[in-house]
C-alpha atoms as a PDB file:
ATOM      1  CA  MET A   1     -36.852  88.131 126.344  1.00  0.00           C
ATOM      2  CA  MET A   2     -33.361  89.636 125.547  1.00  0.00           C
ATOM      3  CA  ASN A   3     -32.159  88.516 128.959  1.00  0.00           C
ATOM      4  CA  GLU A   4     -33.229  84.919 128.308  1.00  0.00           C
ATOM      5  CA  ALA A   5     -31.789  84.812 124.817  1.00  0.00           C
ATOM      6  CA  GLY A   6     -28.676  86.372 126.173  1.00  0.00           C
ATOM      7  CA  GLY A   7     -28.430  83.537 128.781  1.00  0.00           C
ATOM      8  CA  THR A   8     -29.003  80.827 126.272  1.00  0.00           C
ATOM      9  CA  VAL A   9     -26.119  82.294 124.249  1.00  0.00           C
ATOM     10  CA  VAL A  10     -23.807  82.133 127.273  1.00  0.00           C
ATOM     11  CA  ALA A  11     -24.786  78.824 128.287  1.00  0.00           C
ATOM     12  CA  GLU A  12     -24.104  77.509 124.715  1.00  0.00           C
ATOM     13  CA  TYR A  13     -20.662  79.255 124.624  1.00  0.00           C
ATOM     14  CA  LYS A  14     -19.837  77.646 127.886  1.00  0.00           C
ATOM     15  CA  ARG A  15     -20.588  74.137 126.632  1.00  0.00           C
ATOM     16  CA  TYR A  16     -18.700  75.057 123.425  1.00  0.00           C
ATOM     17  CA  ILE A  17     -15.562  75.784 125.730  1.00  0.00           C
ATOM     18  CA  LEU A  18     -16.035  72.863 127.917  1.00  0.00           C
ATOM     19  CA  ARG A  19     -16.361  70.390 125.118  1.00  0.00           C
ATOM     20  CA  LYS A  20     -12.852  71.783 124.052  1.00  0.00           C
ATOM     21  CA  ILE A  21     -11.108  71.691 127.585  1.00  0.00           C
ATOM     22  CA  ILE A  22     -12.820  68.055 127.955  1.00  0.00           C
ATOM     23  CA  PHE A  23     -11.167  67.071 124.728  1.00  0.00           C
ATOM     24  CA  ILE A  24      -7.742  68.356 125.830  1.00  0.00           C
ATOM     25  CA  VAL A  25      -8.017  66.648 129.237  1.00  0.00           C
ATOM     26  CA  VAL A  26      -8.809  63.338 127.531  1.00  0.00           C
ATOM     27  CA  CYS A  27      -5.933  63.834 125.289  1.00  0.00           C
ATOM     28  CA  ALA A  28      -3.605  64.670 128.050  1.00  0.00           C
ATOM     29  CA  THR A  29      -4.744  61.574 130.001  1.00  0.00           C
ATOM     30  CA  VAL A  30      -4.029  59.217 126.947  1.00  0.00           C
ATOM     31  CA  ALA A  31      -0.550  60.793 126.705  1.00  0.00           C
ATOM     32  CA  ILE A  32       0.046  59.775 130.478  1.00  0.00           C
ATOM     33  CA  VAL A  33      -1.432  56.421 129.950  1.00  0.00           C
ATOM     34  CA  ALA A  34       0.490  55.927 126.928  1.00  0.00           C
ATOM     35  CA  PHE A  35       3.586  57.204 128.503  1.00  0.00           C
ATOM     36  CA  GLY A  36       3.374  54.896 131.565  1.00  0.00           C
ATOM     37  CA  ILE A  37       2.686  51.608 129.181  1.00  0.00           C
ATOM     38  CA  SER A  38       5.641  52.718 127.212  1.00  0.00           C
ATOM     39  CA  VAL A  39       7.959  52.918 130.011  1.00  0.00           C
ATOM     40  CA  GLY A  40       6.656  49.517 131.390  1.00  0.00           C
ATOM     41  CA  ILE A  41       7.324  47.621 128.118  1.00  0.00           C
ATOM     42  CA  GLY A  42      10.549  45.292 127.838  1.00  0.00           C
ATOM     43  CA  ALA A  43      12.137  42.176 128.951  1.00  0.00           C
ATOM     44  CA  ARG A  44      11.075  43.002 132.673  1.00  0.00           C
ATOM     45  CA  GLN A  45       7.220  44.149 132.168  1.00  0.00           C
ATOM     46  CA  MET A  46       5.893  46.570 134.781  1.00  0.00           C
ATOM     47  CA  GLU A  47       2.284  47.588 135.265  1.00  0.00           C
ATOM     48  CA  ILE A  48       1.407  51.470 134.807  1.00  0.00           C
ATOM     49  CA  GLY A  49       0.950  51.839 138.500  1.00  0.00           C
ATOM     50  CA  ARG A  50       4.231  50.344 139.288  1.00  0.00           C
ATOM     51  CA  VAL A  51       6.036  52.448 136.683  1.00  0.00           C
ATOM     52  CA  TYR A  52       4.464  55.691 138.159  1.00  0.00           C
ATOM     53  CA  GLU A  53       5.315  54.300 141.746  1.00  0.00           C
ATOM     54  CA  LEU A  54       9.054  53.794 140.888  1.00  0.00           C
ATOM     55  CA  LEU A  55       8.985  57.402 139.185  1.00  0.00           C
ATOM     56  CA  PHE A  56       7.601  59.025 142.032  1.00  0.00           C
ATOM     57  CA  ASN A  57       9.975  57.504 144.483  1.00  0.00           C
ATOM     58  CA  HIS A  58      13.000  58.266 142.306  1.00  0.00           C
ATOM     59  CA  ILE A  59      11.948  61.782 142.151  1.00  0.00           C
ATOM     60  CA  MET A  60      11.384  62.045 145.858  1.00  0.00           C
ATOM     61  CA  GLY A  61      14.790  60.581 146.367  1.00  0.00           C
ATOM     62  CA  VAL A  62      13.896  57.234 147.690  1.00  0.00           C
ATOM     63  CA  THR A  63      16.811  54.881 147.580  1.00  0.00           C
ATOM     64  CA  TYR A  64      16.587  50.932 147.496  1.00  0.00           C
ATOM     65  CA  PRO A  65      18.954  48.056 148.658  1.00  0.00           C
ATOM     66  CA  VAL A  66      21.460  47.253 145.935  1.00  0.00           C
ATOM     67  CA  ASN A  67      20.623  44.337 143.646  1.00  0.00           C
ATOM     68  CA  SER A  68      17.090  44.189 145.296  1.00  0.00           C
ATOM     69  CA  THR A  69      14.013  44.074 142.806  1.00  0.00           C
ATOM     70  CA  ASP A  70      13.049  47.556 143.405  1.00  0.00           C
ATOM     71  CA  TRP A  71      16.823  48.895 142.729  1.00  0.00           C
ATOM     72  CA  VAL A  72      16.915  46.807 139.393  1.00  0.00           C
ATOM     73  CA  GLU A  73      13.550  48.130 138.289  1.00  0.00           C
ATOM     74  CA  ASP A  74      14.426  51.584 139.131  1.00  0.00           C
ATOM     75  CA  ALA A  75      17.632  51.436 137.194  1.00  0.00           C
ATOM     76  CA  VAL A  76      16.075  49.781 134.335  1.00  0.00           C
ATOM     77  CA  ILE A  77      13.340  52.715 134.070  1.00  0.00           C
ATOM     78  CA  TRP A  78      15.698  55.546 134.486  1.00  0.00           C
ATOM     79  CA  ASP A  79      18.965  54.582 132.610  1.00  0.00           C
ATOM     80  CA  TYR A  80      17.233  52.838 129.570  1.00  0.00           C
ATOM     81  CA  ARG A  81      13.587  53.209 129.195  1.00  0.00           C
ATOM     82  CA  LEU A  82      12.700  56.515 130.468  1.00  0.00           C
ATOM     83  CA  PRO A  83      14.712  58.614 128.034  1.00  0.00           C
ATOM     84  CA  ARG A  84      13.047  56.976 124.814  1.00  0.00           C
ATOM     85  CA  SER A  85       9.652  57.314 126.336  1.00  0.00           C
ATOM     86  CA  LEU A  86      10.277  60.935 127.317  1.00  0.00           C
ATOM     87  CA  PHE A  87      11.624  61.808 123.894  1.00  0.00           C
ATOM     88  CA  ALA A  88       8.645  60.062 122.161  1.00  0.00           C
ATOM     89  CA  LEU A  89       6.552  62.416 124.423  1.00  0.00           C
ATOM     90  CA  LEU A  90       8.255  65.608 123.775  1.00  0.00           C
ATOM     91  CA  ALA A  91       8.698  64.916 119.964  1.00  0.00           C
ATOM     92  CA  GLY A  92       5.115  64.278 119.229  1.00  0.00           C
ATOM     93  CA  ALA A  93       4.189  67.339 120.952  1.00  0.00           C
ATOM     94  CA  SER A  94       6.714  69.334 119.255  1.00  0.00           C
ATOM     95  CA  LEU A  95       6.203  67.964 115.573  1.00  0.00           C
ATOM     96  CA  ALA A  96       2.294  68.368 116.264  1.00  0.00           C
ATOM     97  CA  VAL A  97       2.791  71.901 117.368  1.00  0.00           C
ATOM     98  CA  ALA A  98       5.100  72.735 114.462  1.00  0.00           C
ATOM     99  CA  GLY A  99       2.591  71.381 112.170  1.00  0.00           C
ATOM    100  CA  VAL A 100      -0.285  73.959 113.649  1.00  0.00           C
ATOM    101  CA  ALA A 101       2.174  76.785 113.157  1.00  0.00           C
ATOM    102  CA  MET A 102       2.881  75.741 109.594  1.00  0.00           C
ATOM    103  CA  GLN A 103      -0.442  75.161 108.623  1.00  0.00           C
ATOM    104  CA  SER A 104      -1.653  78.248 110.036  1.00  0.00           C
ATOM    105  CA  VAL A 105       0.955  80.452 108.708  1.00  0.00           C
ATOM    106  CA  MET A 106       0.728  79.101 105.304  1.00  0.00           C
ATOM    107  CA  ASN A 107      -3.150  78.812 105.435  1.00  0.00           C
ATOM    108  CA  ASN A 108      -3.130  75.273 103.907  1.00  0.00           C
ATOM    109  CA  PRO A 109      -4.193  72.212 105.768  1.00  0.00           C
ATOM    110  CA  LEU A 110      -1.428  70.098 104.058  1.00  0.00           C
ATOM    111  CA  ALA A 111       1.496  72.066 105.070  1.00  0.00           C
ATOM    112  CA  ASP A 112       3.812  70.739 107.729  1.00  0.00           C
ATOM    113  CA  ALA A 113       7.703  70.240 107.905  1.00  0.00           C
ATOM    114  CA  TYR A 114       7.505  67.069 105.692  1.00  0.00           C
ATOM    115  CA  THR A 115       5.570  68.424 102.788  1.00  0.00           C
ATOM    116  CA  THR A 116       7.339  71.834 102.803  1.00  0.00           C
ATOM    117  CA  GLY A 117      10.807  70.363 102.508  1.00  0.00           C
ATOM    118  CA  VAL A 118      11.794  71.440 106.058  1.00  0.00           C
ATOM    119  CA  SER A 119      12.376  67.909 107.280  1.00  0.00           C
ATOM    120  CA  SER A 120      14.309  66.890 104.038  1.00  0.00           C
ATOM    121  CA  GLY A 121      16.734  70.045 104.483  1.00  0.00           C
ATOM    122  CA  ALA A 122      17.233  69.235 108.246  1.00  0.00           C
ATOM    123  CA  CYS A 123      18.172  65.533 107.440  1.00  0.00           C
ATOM    124  CA  PHE A 124      20.747  66.760 104.688  1.00  0.00           C
ATOM    125  CA  GLY A 125      22.145  68.893 107.351  1.00  0.00           C
ATOM    126  CA  VAL A 126      22.496  65.773 109.869  1.00  0.00           C
ATOM    127  CA  ALA A 127      24.003  63.771 106.526  1.00  0.00           C
ATOM    128  CA  VAL A 128      26.538  66.221 106.107  1.00  0.00           C
ATOM    129  CA  ALA A 129      27.804  66.429 109.558  1.00  0.00           C
ATOM    130  CA  ILE A 130      27.970  62.537 109.888  1.00  0.00           C
ATOM    131  CA  VAL A 131      29.121  61.618 106.247  1.00  0.00           C
ATOM    132  CA  LEU A 132      31.565  64.586 105.575  1.00  0.00           C
ATOM    133  CA  GLY A 133      32.301  65.412 109.305  1.00  0.00           C
ATOM    134  CA  PHE A 134      31.493  68.997 108.504  1.00  0.00           C
ATOM    135  CA  THR A 135      29.425  71.154 110.973  1.00  0.00           C
ATOM    136  CA  LEU A 136      28.866  74.733 110.912  1.00  0.00           C
ATOM    137  CA  ILE A 137      30.205  75.326 114.269  1.00  0.00           C
ATOM    138  CA  GLN A 138      32.815  73.588 116.266  1.00  0.00           C
ATOM    139  CA  ASN A 139      31.505  72.113 119.346  1.00  0.00           C
ATOM    140  CA  GLU A 140      32.980  69.591 121.734  1.00  0.00           C
ATOM    141  CA  TYR A 141      29.251  68.438 122.185  1.00  0.00           C
ATOM    142  CA  SER A 142      28.835  66.862 118.933  1.00  0.00           C
ATOM    143  CA  SER A 143      24.855  66.333 119.218  1.00  0.00           C
ATOM    144  CA  ILE A 144      24.630  70.273 119.546  1.00  0.00           C
ATOM    145  CA  ALA A 145      26.714  70.758 116.462  1.00  0.00           C
ATOM    146  CA  ILE A 146      24.725  68.543 114.415  1.00  0.00           C
ATOM    147  CA  THR A 147      21.495  69.854 115.869  1.00  0.00           C
ATOM    148  CA  ILE A 148      22.513  73.374 114.572  1.00  0.00           C
ATOM    149  CA  ASN A 149      23.593  72.022 111.353  1.00  0.00           C
ATOM    150  CA  ALA A 150      20.125  70.624 111.131  1.00  0.00           C
ATOM    151  CA  PHE A 151      18.473  73.697 111.849  1.00  0.00           C
ATOM    152  CA  LEU A 152      20.438  75.785 109.526  1.00  0.00           C
ATOM    153  CA  PHE A 153      19.645  73.410 106.542  1.00  0.00           C
ATOM    154  CA  ALA A 154      16.238  73.405 107.555  1.00  0.00           C
ATOM    155  CA  MET A 155      16.126  77.230 107.265  1.00  0.00           C
ATOM    156  CA  ILE A 156      16.919  76.843 103.522  1.00  0.00           C
ATOM    157  CA  PRO A 157      13.404  75.515 102.414  1.00  0.00           C
ATOM    158  CA  VAL A 158      11.931  78.100 104.963  1.00  0.00           C
ATOM    159  CA  ALA A 159      13.835  81.030 103.170  1.00  0.00           C
ATOM    160  CA  ALA A 160      12.759  79.650  99.889  1.00  0.00           C
ATOM    161  CA  ILE A 161       8.797  79.762 100.885  1.00  0.00           C
ATOM    162  CA  LEU A 162       9.450  83.075 102.323  1.00  0.00           C
ATOM    163  CA  ALA A 163      10.973  84.228  99.088  1.00  0.00           C
ATOM    164  CA  ILE A 164       8.234  82.736  96.929  1.00  0.00           C
ATOM    165  CA  SER A 165       5.104  83.554  99.097  1.00  0.00           C
ATOM    166  CA  PRO A 166       4.999  87.232  98.071  1.00  0.00           C
ATOM    167  CA  ARG A 167       4.920  86.238  94.269  1.00  0.00           C
ATOM    168  CA  THR A 168       2.044  83.946  94.682  1.00  0.00           C
ATOM    169  CA  LYS A 169      -1.389  84.028  96.242  1.00  0.00           C
ATOM    170  CA  SER A 170      -1.756  80.376  96.092  1.00  0.00           C
ATOM    171  CA  PRO A 171      -1.030  78.192  98.989  1.00  0.00           C
ATOM    172  CA  ALA A 172      -0.814  75.089  96.821  1.00  0.00           C
ATOM    173  CA  THR A 173       1.990  76.580  95.103  1.00  0.00           C
ATOM    174  CA  LEU A 174       3.933  77.057  98.125  1.00  0.00           C
ATOM    175  CA  ILE A 175       3.310  73.243  98.976  1.00  0.00           C
ATOM    176  CA  LEU A 176       4.511  71.980  95.523  1.00  0.00           C
ATOM    177  CA  ALA A 177       7.520  74.403  95.799  1.00  0.00           C
ATOM    178  CA  GLY A 178       8.397  72.846  99.128  1.00  0.00           C
ATOM    179  CA  ILE A 179       7.910  69.235  97.718  1.00  0.00           C
ATOM    180  CA  ALA A 180      10.295  70.123  95.008  1.00  0.00           C
ATOM    181  CA  ILE A 181      12.714  71.559  97.415  1.00  0.00           C
ATOM    182  CA  GLY A 182      12.373  68.281  99.314  1.00  0.00           C
ATOM    183  CA  TYR A 183      13.267  66.199  96.606  1.00  0.00           C
ATOM    184  CA  ILE A 184      16.358  68.366  95.656  1.00  0.00           C
ATOM    185  CA  PHE A 185      17.359  67.769  99.475  1.00  0.00           C
ATOM    186  CA  ASN A 186      16.527  63.878  99.308  1.00  0.00           C
ATOM    187  CA  ALA A 187      18.814  63.583  95.997  1.00  0.00           C
ATOM    188  CA  MET A 188      21.796  65.292  97.728  1.00  0.00           C
ATOM    189  CA  SER A 189      21.308  63.073 100.694  1.00  0.00           C
ATOM    190  CA  THR A 190      21.312  59.976  98.625  1.00  0.00           C
ATOM    191  CA  LEU A 191      24.278  61.344  96.572  1.00  0.00           C
ATOM    192  CA  LEU A 192      26.330  61.560  99.919  1.00  0.00           C
ATOM    193  CA  LEU A 193      25.262  57.999 100.884  1.00  0.00           C
ATOM    194  CA  THR A 194      26.589  56.780  97.528  1.00  0.00           C
ATOM    195  CA  SER A 195      30.148  57.473  98.754  1.00  0.00           C
ATOM    196  CA  THR A 196      30.297  56.452 102.303  1.00  0.00           C
ATOM    197  CA  GLU A 197      31.075  53.230 104.016  1.00  0.00           C
ATOM    198  CA  GLU A 198      28.355  50.692 105.169  1.00  0.00           C
ATOM    199  CA  GLU A 199      28.410  51.676 108.973  1.00  0.00           C
ATOM    200  CA  THR A 200      27.532  55.267 108.302  1.00  0.00           C
ATOM    201  CA  LEU A 201      25.117  54.279 105.422  1.00  0.00           C
ATOM    202  CA  ALA A 202      23.145  52.272 107.766  1.00  0.00           C
ATOM    203  CA  ARG A 203      23.074  55.088 110.370  1.00  0.00           C
ATOM    204  CA  ILE A 204      21.793  57.841 107.673  1.00  0.00           C
ATOM    205  CA  TYR A 205      19.472  55.058 106.549  1.00  0.00           C
ATOM    206  CA  VAL A 206      17.822  54.827 109.783  1.00  0.00           C
ATOM    207  CA  TRP A 207      17.912  58.632 110.081  1.00  0.00           C
ATOM    208  CA  GLN A 208      15.858  58.809 106.853  1.00  0.00           C
ATOM    209  CA  ILE A 209      13.089  56.492 108.275  1.00  0.00           C
ATOM    210  CA  GLY A 210      12.880  57.985 111.772  1.00  0.00           C
ATOM    211  CA  SER A 211      13.902  55.770 114.783  1.00  0.00           C
ATOM    212  CA  ILE A 212      14.076  56.416 118.723  1.00  0.00           C
ATOM    213  CA  ASP A 213      15.711  53.209 119.749  1.00  0.00           C
ATOM    214  CA  ASP A 214      18.992  54.713 120.664  1.00  0.00           C
ATOM    215  CA  ILE A 215      17.721  57.733 122.533  1.00  0.00           C
ATOM    216  CA  ILE A 216      19.723  58.418 125.678  1.00  0.00           C
ATOM    217  CA  TRP A 217      19.479  61.184 128.205  1.00  0.00           C
ATOM    218  CA  SER A 218      21.851  63.563 126.748  1.00  0.00           C
ATOM    219  CA  ASN A 219      19.401  63.795 123.618  1.00  0.00           C
ATOM    220  CA  ILE A 220      16.664  65.143 125.927  1.00  0.00           C
ATOM    221  CA  PRO A 221      17.621  68.774 126.859  1.00  0.00           C
ATOM    222  CA  ILE A 222      17.560  70.210 123.427  1.00  0.00           C
ATOM    223  CA  VAL A 223      14.334  68.646 122.208  1.00  0.00           C
ATOM    224  CA  ALA A 224      12.711  69.673 125.696  1.00  0.00           C
ATOM    225  CA  VAL A 225      13.887  73.259 125.195  1.00  0.00           C
ATOM    226  CA  ALA A 226      12.422  73.364 121.782  1.00  0.00           C
ATOM    227  CA  SER A 227       9.189  71.595 122.656  1.00  0.00           C
ATOM    228  CA  ILE A 228       8.581  74.095 125.645  1.00  0.00           C
ATOM    229  CA  ILE A 229       9.608  77.252 124.065  1.00  0.00           C
ATOM    230  CA  GLY A 230       7.618  76.171 120.843  1.00  0.00           C
ATOM    231  CA  LEU A 231       4.496  75.479 122.691  1.00  0.00           C
ATOM    232  CA  PHE A 232       4.642  78.599 124.618  1.00  0.00           C
ATOM    233  CA  VAL A 233       5.212  80.862 121.879  1.00  0.00           C
ATOM    234  CA  VAL A 234       2.494  79.330 119.485  1.00  0.00           C
ATOM    235  CA  GLY A 235       0.182  79.366 122.247  1.00  0.00           C
ATOM    236  CA  MET A 236       0.627  83.041 123.118  1.00  0.00           C
ATOM    237  CA  LEU A 237       0.357  83.890 119.390  1.00  0.00           C
ATOM    238  CA  SER A 238      -2.889  81.615 118.783  1.00  0.00           C
ATOM    239  CA  ARG A 239      -5.276  84.607 118.833  1.00  0.00           C
ATOM    240  CA  LYS A 240      -3.337  86.248 116.126  1.00  0.00           C
ATOM    241  CA  LEU A 241      -3.309  82.907 114.231  1.00  0.00           C
ATOM    242  CA  ASN A 242      -7.060  82.817 114.463  1.00  0.00           C
ATOM    243  CA  VAL A 243      -6.967  86.515 112.950  1.00  0.00           C
ATOM    244  CA  LEU A 244      -4.688  85.353 110.266  1.00  0.00           C
ATOM    245  CA  SER A 245      -7.060  82.603 109.272  1.00  0.00           C
ATOM    246  CA  LEU A 246      -9.357  85.294 108.016  1.00  0.00           C
ATOM    247  CA  GLY A 247      -6.794  86.133 105.482  1.00  0.00           C
ATOM    248  CA  GLU A 248      -3.499  88.349 105.303  1.00  0.00           C
ATOM    249  CA  THR A 249      -5.586  91.675 104.364  1.00  0.00           C
ATOM    250  CA  SER A 250      -7.891  91.215 107.102  1.00  0.00           C
ATOM    251  CA  ALA A 251      -5.366  90.298 109.451  1.00  0.00           C
ATOM    252  CA  LYS A 252      -3.229  93.455 108.644  1.00  0.00           C
ATOM    253  CA  ALA A 253      -6.350  95.546 108.895  1.00  0.00           C
ATOM    254  CA  MET A 254      -6.943  94.305 112.409  1.00  0.00           C
ATOM    255  CA  GLY A 255      -3.190  95.377 113.385  1.00  0.00           C
ATOM    256  CA  VAL A 256      -1.202  91.951 113.177  1.00  0.00           C
ATOM    257  CA  ASN A 257       2.057  92.417 111.717  1.00  0.00           C
ATOM    258  CA  VAL A 258       1.827  89.339 109.359  1.00  0.00           C
ATOM    259  CA  GLN A 259       5.203  89.184 107.988  1.00  0.00           C
ATOM    260  CA  THR A 260       6.977  89.508 111.585  1.00  0.00           C
ATOM    261  CA  MET A 261       4.751  86.838 112.936  1.00  0.00           C
ATOM    262  CA  ARG A 262       5.463  84.469 109.826  1.00  0.00           C
ATOM    263  CA  TYR A 263       9.210  84.777 110.360  1.00  0.00           C
ATOM    264  CA  ILE A 264       8.889  84.233 114.047  1.00  0.00           C
ATOM    265  CA  LEU A 265       6.741  80.888 113.481  1.00  0.00           C
ATOM    266  CA  LEU A 266       8.947  79.645 110.577  1.00  0.00           C
ATOM    267  CA  LEU A 267      12.025  79.994 112.490  1.00  0.00           C
ATOM    268  CA  LEU A 268      10.526  78.333 115.398  1.00  0.00           C
ATOM    269  CA  MET A 269       9.151  75.593 113.543  1.00  0.00           C
ATOM    270  CA  ALA A 270      12.459  75.051 111.928  1.00  0.00           C
ATOM    271  CA  PHE A 271      14.264  74.877 115.284  1.00  0.00           C
ATOM    272  CA  MET A 272      11.582  72.448 116.713  1.00  0.00           C
ATOM    273  CA  VAL A 273      11.661  70.142 113.601  1.00  0.00           C
ATOM    274  CA  ALA A 274      15.372  70.132 113.536  1.00  0.00           C
ATOM    275  CA  SER A 275      15.873  69.441 117.119  1.00  0.00           C
ATOM    276  CA  VAL A 276      13.871  65.923 116.595  1.00  0.00           C
ATOM    277  CA  ILE A 277      15.455  65.245 113.409  1.00  0.00           C
ATOM    278  CA  SER A 278      19.157  65.414 114.626  1.00  0.00           C
ATOM    279  CA  TYR A 279      18.344  62.677 117.189  1.00  0.00           C
ATOM    280  CA  ALA A 280      15.646  60.672 115.572  1.00  0.00           C
ATOM    281  CA  GLY A 281      15.467  61.237 111.943  1.00  0.00           C
ATOM    282  CA  ILE A 282      12.593  62.138 109.887  1.00  0.00           C
ATOM    283  CA  ILE A 283       9.123  61.208 111.658  1.00  0.00           C
ATOM    284  CA  GLY A 284       6.374  62.094 109.254  1.00  0.00           C
ATOM    285  CA  PHE A 285       2.664  62.493 109.637  1.00  0.00           C
ATOM    286  CA  VAL A 286       2.409  63.517 113.379  1.00  0.00           C
ATOM    287  CA  GLY A 287       2.725  67.219 112.528  1.00  0.00           C
ATOM    288  CA  LEU A 288       0.081  66.745 109.579  1.00  0.00           C
ATOM    289  CA  VAL A 289      -2.570  64.454 111.074  1.00  0.00           C
ATOM    290  CA  SER A 290      -2.806  65.606 114.634  1.00  0.00           C
ATOM    291  CA  PRO A 291      -3.838  69.078 113.864  1.00  0.00           C
ATOM    292  CA  HIS A 292      -6.439  67.894 111.366  1.00  0.00           C
ATOM    293  CA  ILE A 293      -8.064  65.286 113.813  1.00  0.00           C
ATOM    294  CA  VAL A 294      -8.184  68.253 116.456  1.00  0.00           C
ATOM    295  CA  ARG A 295      -9.691  70.895 113.888  1.00  0.00           C
ATOM    296  CA  ILE A 296     -12.445  68.040 113.039  1.00  0.00           C
ATOM    297  CA  LEU A 297     -13.280  67.376 116.655  1.00  0.00           C
ATOM    298  CA  ILE A 298     -13.085  70.670 118.171  1.00  0.00           C
ATOM    299  CA  ASP A 299     -13.334  73.282 115.434  1.00  0.00           C
ATOM    300  CA  SER A 300     -10.459  75.644 114.477  1.00  0.00           C
ATOM    301  CA  ASP A 301      -9.855  77.898 117.369  1.00  0.00           C
ATOM    302  CA  ASN A 302      -6.027  78.011 117.885  1.00  0.00           C
ATOM    303  CA  ARG A 303      -6.317  78.696 121.611  1.00  0.00           C
ATOM    304  CA  PHE A 304      -7.506  75.132 122.092  1.00  0.00           C
ATOM    305  CA  VAL A 305      -5.869  73.563 118.941  1.00  0.00           C
ATOM    306  CA  VAL A 306      -2.326  74.310 119.928  1.00  0.00           C
ATOM    307  CA  PRO A 307      -2.603  72.265 123.393  1.00  0.00           C
ATOM    308  CA  ALA A 308      -4.950  69.643 121.924  1.00  0.00           C
ATOM    309  CA  SER A 309      -2.746  68.997 119.110  1.00  0.00           C
ATOM    310  CA  ALA A 310       0.316  68.979 121.448  1.00  0.00           C
ATOM    311  CA  MET A 311      -1.126  66.224 123.863  1.00  0.00           C
ATOM    312  CA  LEU A 312      -2.638  64.181 120.666  1.00  0.00           C
ATOM    313  CA  GLY A 313       0.745  64.172 119.022  1.00  0.00           C
ATOM    314  CA  ALA A 314       2.553  63.173 121.892  1.00  0.00           C
ATOM    315  CA  SER A 315      -0.011  60.357 122.443  1.00  0.00           C
ATOM    316  CA  LEU A 316       0.113  59.348 118.649  1.00  0.00           C
ATOM    317  CA  LEU A 317       4.047  58.929 118.687  1.00  0.00           C
ATOM    318  CA  LEU A 318       3.918  57.067 122.130  1.00  0.00           C
ATOM    319  CA  VAL A 319       1.067  54.710 120.918  1.00  0.00           C
ATOM    320  CA  CYS A 320       3.141  54.165 117.529  1.00  0.00           C
ATOM    321  CA  ASP A 321       6.395  53.288 119.588  1.00  0.00           C
ATOM    322  CA  ILE A 322       4.436  51.051 121.731  1.00  0.00           C
ATOM    323  CA  VAL A 323       3.231  49.131 118.865  1.00  0.00           C
ATOM    324  CA  CYS A 324       6.388  49.187 117.494  1.00  0.00           C
ATOM    325  CA  ARG A 325       8.042  47.345 120.395  1.00  0.00           C
ATOM    326  CA  LEU A 326       5.440  45.078 120.769  1.00  0.00           C
ATOM    327  CA  ILE A 327       5.772  43.647 117.132  1.00  0.00           C
ATOM    328  CA  SER A 328       9.488  43.889 117.160  1.00  0.00           C
ATOM    329  CA  PRO A 329      11.005  43.521 120.664  1.00  0.00           C
ATOM    330  CA  ASN A 330      14.655  43.452 118.959  1.00  0.00           C
ATOM    331  CA  GLY A 331      14.119  46.993 117.475  1.00  0.00           C
ATOM    332  CA  SER A 332      14.408  45.794 113.784  1.00  0.00           C
ATOM    333  CA  ILE A 333      11.276  47.771 112.814  1.00  0.00           C
ATOM    334  CA  PRO A 334      11.787  51.789 113.490  1.00  0.00           C
ATOM    335  CA  VAL A 335       8.855  53.794 114.742  1.00  0.00           C
ATOM    336  CA  GLY A 336       8.873  55.886 111.566  1.00  0.00           C
ATOM    337  CA  VAL A 337       7.615  52.728 109.978  1.00  0.00           C
ATOM    338  CA  VAL A 338       4.793  52.111 112.145  1.00  0.00           C
ATOM    339  CA  ILE A 339       3.757  55.788 112.203  1.00  0.00           C
ATOM    340  CA  SER A 340       3.536  55.909 108.294  1.00  0.00           C
ATOM    341  CA  PHE A 341       1.268  52.942 108.351  1.00  0.00           C
ATOM    342  CA  VAL A 342      -0.866  54.662 111.073  1.00  0.00           C
ATOM    343  CA  GLY A 343      -0.745  58.136 109.692  1.00  0.00           C
ATOM    344  CA  ALA A 344      -1.009  57.649 106.020  1.00  0.00           C
ATOM    345  CA  PRO A 345      -4.610  55.724 106.140  1.00  0.00           C
ATOM    346  CA  ILE A 346      -6.005  58.384 108.684  1.00  0.00           C
ATOM    347  CA  PHE A 347      -4.713  61.077 106.422  1.00  0.00           C
ATOM    348  CA  LEU A 348      -6.427  59.538 103.350  1.00  0.00           C
ATOM    349  CA  TYR A 349      -9.405  59.147 105.481  1.00  0.00           C
ATOM    350  CA  LEU A 350      -9.464  62.895 106.368  1.00  0.00           C
ATOM    351  CA  LEU A 351      -9.158  63.713 102.868  1.00  0.00           C
ATOM    352  CA  VAL A 352     -12.038  61.891 101.529  1.00  0.00           C
ATOM    353  CA  ARG A 353     -14.186  62.221 104.365  1.00  0.00           C
ATOM    354  CA  LYS A 354     -17.545  64.103 103.421  1.00  0.00           C
ATOM    355  CA  ASN A 355     -18.368  66.740 105.461  1.00  0.00           C
ATOM    356  CA  ALA A 356     -15.176  67.280 106.981  1.00  0.00           C
ATOM    357  CA  ASN A 357     -14.458  71.052 107.299  1.00  0.00           C
ATOM    358  CA  ILE A 358     -11.026  71.515 109.174  1.00  0.00           C
ATOM    359  CA  TRP A 359     -11.058  75.134 108.461  1.00  0.00           C
END
């Protein structure tokens, strides 16, 4: 009888794990398909099979006769379309994983880079670099200097949250504090914009909305490094995040150094968010909605939530970029607008959905 009961439990556990793995595989498949469609969209439309054929041939070193159809399509993909789609893939994954880390550390499902003021701080750092020409380091590669500016200013809300957290036991208080800090940074950014010329004003305006229209290859390395490191570190700490979800006292009793882990994850989250904002501006809702959807569908085990959120976040941003390019081929509608139209209703649905236990 005991063996039979034990076998039933093992079988149930295997089904439980299999369901999560299948969900991650489905999200990864959607991301791969969306990536191929994204690269294929443009004045010269290409089927997804053709896109991956050209990508594979390019990686393998296949060359084509100059000015042939293959040569033109290969150049179109690698020089113009691939950087944008690859950035969307990496940025979506990075923002989603940052959202998982922030929500777990703060034990609040409403926490993400936007609601805690981190995005606003990073955006102000970018505005300072562009409008005033002031960067905290002097570097011949201006994009690196802007990213560091964004990171260091993003750390101000993080530092404020860390300073406030020991004085309050309410996660909601931290979110409200983050929102207040975000408003302060938004006001300072607006103040900068009132004293700048029209060209710079337009550039910062697009940054505040969020756009990936002008992404080029030189923008990819920092975001790629931030995404890979973030996914690896948060994934490695996923078991400890599960323990932390039991409460800070319980986590300490089980040997988790809560304060150190909090510092590491918040620093990492600020770097991930800053790397995206320094090139694309504020892209909201990805880090908020993706972890919610994942937790509703496969529960809250962070060992699976982290990779699933990364794949879902990448898919969400890619799909929104596809929609953006279909309805606005000239690029007049930034992806940040589309992601807000998609993310806000989803988030409202999640908030009012009955029996939606996300923790």
